[in-house]
């Protein structure tokens, strides 16, 4: 289709999305990036964040927890370890994960894996930011 971008979103457990879209906005390690049909080919590392699919005046959003995106002349592929549509997010579970991570980070102990707690907090915050938009 003219001026449409072919998009695939793939996780280890499912092909989350495949179709033609107007635009994709995603969080990369370098900041937010918008991709349209005809974008320059590139590969970028994704950060934890919200990926927005814009198509025919509607937005569809997913929490994407890392991975990478490849943009080529054929379209765009997103490969991620984990992704959830906004309606799949368990807000109560995400809030509990946030509280656990914050408690771990407040406790300064030798047996606390700070990096793991920080990543857990970051995942929970992304889920909560999207889960509250339903």
Protein backbone atom coordinates (compact mmCIF):
# COMPACT_ATOMS: atom_id res chain seq x y z
CA UNK A 1 0.00 0.00 0.00
CA UNK A 2 1.20 3.49 -0.75
CA UNK A 3 2.59 5.42 2.21
CA UNK A 4 2.02 2.49 4.59
CA UNK A 5 4.76 0.86 6.63
CA UNK A 6 4.86 -2.92 6.94
CA UNK A 7 5.32 -3.74 10.65
CA UNK A 8 6.06 -6.97 12.51
CA UNK A 9 6.38 -7.21 16.30
CA UNK A 10 7.81 -10.51 17.47
CA UNK A 11 8.42 -11.86 20.99
CA UNK A 12 9.81 -15.30 21.92
CA UNK A 13 6.28 -16.53 22.66
CA UNK A 14 4.20 -15.00 19.87
CA UNK A 15 3.98 -12.93 16.73
CA UNK A 16 2.34 -9.96 18.42
CA UNK A 17 1.51 -7.88 15.36
CA UNK A 18 1.83 -8.02 11.61
CA UNK A 19 0.29 -5.49 9.29
CA UNK A 20 0.42 -2.20 7.41
CA UNK A 21 0.47 0.98 9.52
CA UNK A 22 0.87 4.73 9.04
CA UNK A 23 3.53 5.32 11.70
CA UNK A 24 5.34 3.73 14.64
CA UNK A 25 6.65 5.72 17.61
CA UNK A 26 9.02 3.87 19.93
CA UNK A 27 11.50 4.47 22.75
CA UNK A 28 15.09 3.71 21.78
CA UNK A 29 18.28 3.99 23.82
CA UNK A 30 18.80 7.33 22.01
CA UNK A 31 15.31 8.67 22.70
CA UNK A 32 11.88 8.51 21.06
CA UNK A 33 11.82 7.83 17.32
CA UNK A 34 8.97 8.03 14.82
CA UNK A 35 9.09 5.77 11.77
CA UNK A 36 7.13 6.41 8.59
CA UNK A 37 7.06 4.66 5.21
CA UNK A 38 10.31 5.38 3.37
CA UNK A 39 12.39 5.88 6.52
CA UNK A 40 16.14 5.50 6.12
CA UNK A 41 17.24 1.90 6.83
CA UNK A 42 18.63 1.43 10.33
CA UNK A 43 18.88 -0.88 13.30
CA UNK A 44 18.29 0.55 16.78
CA UNK A 45 18.28 -0.81 20.31
CA UNK A 46 14.97 -0.39 22.11
CA UNK A 47 14.68 0.84 25.67
CA UNK A 48 11.85 -0.05 28.03
CA UNK A 49 8.93 2.10 26.94
CA UNK A 50 5.64 2.46 25.12
CA UNK A 51 5.45 1.63 21.42
CA UNK A 52 2.60 3.39 19.62
CA UNK A 53 1.17 2.18 16.32
CA UNK A 54 -0.67 4.93 14.44
CA UNK A 55 -3.03 3.77 11.74
CA UNK A 56 -6.05 5.37 10.08
CA UNK A 57 -6.43 7.96 12.87
CA UNK A 58 -6.27 5.41 15.70
CA UNK A 59 -3.48 4.56 18.13
CA UNK A 60 -2.65 1.13 19.52
CA UNK A 61 -0.08 0.96 22.30
CA UNK A 62 2.11 -1.71 23.83
CA UNK A 63 4.63 -1.82 26.64
CA UNK A 64 7.89 -2.99 25.06
CA UNK A 65 10.64 -4.16 27.39
CA UNK A 66 13.83 -3.85 25.38
CA UNK A 67 14.93 -5.50 22.16
CA UNK A 68 15.74 -3.96 18.83
CA UNK A 69 14.08 -2.65 15.70
CA UNK A 70 15.21 -3.07 12.12
CA UNK A 71 13.95 -0.65 9.50
CA UNK A 72 14.58 -1.62 5.88
CA UNK A 73 13.12 -0.98 2.45
CA UNK A 74 10.75 -3.93 3.06
CA UNK A 75 9.35 -2.48 6.30
CA UNK A 76 10.05 -2.66 10.00
CA UNK A 77 10.58 -5.54 12.43
CA UNK A 78 10.60 -5.23 16.21
CA UNK A 79 12.16 -8.10 18.15
CA UNK A 80 11.66 -7.92 21.89
CA UNK A 81 11.94 -10.22 24.89
CA UNK A 82 8.59 -9.03 26.22
CA UNK A 83 5.71 -6.86 25.06
CA UNK A 84 2.13 -6.40 26.21
CA UNK A 85 -0.82 -4.57 24.72
CA UNK A 86 -2.36 -2.03 27.09
CA UNK A 87 -5.38 -4.28 27.74
CA UNK A 88 -3.10 -7.19 28.72
CA UNK A 89 -1.37 -5.34 31.55
CA UNK A 90 -2.24 -6.49 35.06
CA UNK A 91 -2.11 -3.12 36.86
CA UNK A 92 -2.35 -4.67 40.35
CA UNK A 93 0.58 -7.00 39.64
CA UNK A 94 2.61 -4.12 38.17
CA UNK A 95 1.91 -1.98 41.25
CA UNK A 96 3.05 -4.83 43.51
CA UNK A 97 6.23 -5.26 41.46
CA UNK A 98 6.89 -1.52 41.72
CA UNK A 99 6.49 -1.59 45.50
CA UNK A 100 8.80 -4.63 45.85
CA UNK A 101 11.48 -3.02 43.68
CA UNK A 102 11.28 0.27 45.56
CA UNK A 103 11.60 -1.55 48.89
CA UNK A 104 14.66 -3.44 47.63
CA UNK A 105 16.29 -0.22 46.47
CA UNK A 106 15.65 1.49 49.82
CA UNK A 107 17.35 -1.35 51.68
CA UNK A 108 21.13 -1.14 51.40
CA UNK A 109 22.30 -4.72 51.84
CA UNK A 110 25.14 -6.66 50.30
CA UNK A 111 22.82 -9.39 49.03
CA UNK A 112 20.58 -6.98 47.05
CA UNK A 113 21.12 -7.00 43.30
CA UNK A 114 20.64 -3.27 42.67
CA UNK A 115 20.69 -3.53 38.88
CA UNK A 116 18.02 -6.23 38.89
CA UNK A 117 15.84 -4.16 41.26
CA UNK A 118 16.26 -1.06 39.06
CA UNK A 119 15.22 -3.01 35.94
CA UNK A 120 12.24 -4.47 37.78
CA UNK A 121 11.18 -0.97 38.81
CA UNK A 122 11.60 0.31 35.25
CA UNK A 123 9.44 -2.54 33.85
CA UNK A 124 6.74 -1.88 36.44
CA UNK A 125 6.71 1.85 35.71
CA UNK A 126 6.34 1.27 31.95
CA UNK A 127 3.47 -1.12 32.55
CA UNK A 128 1.77 1.27 34.97
CA UNK A 129 2.17 4.24 32.62
CA UNK A 130 0.37 2.32 29.89
CA UNK A 131 -2.02 0.30 32.05
CA UNK A 132 -3.56 3.44 33.49
CA UNK A 133 -4.51 4.71 29.97
CA UNK A 134 -7.14 2.03 29.28
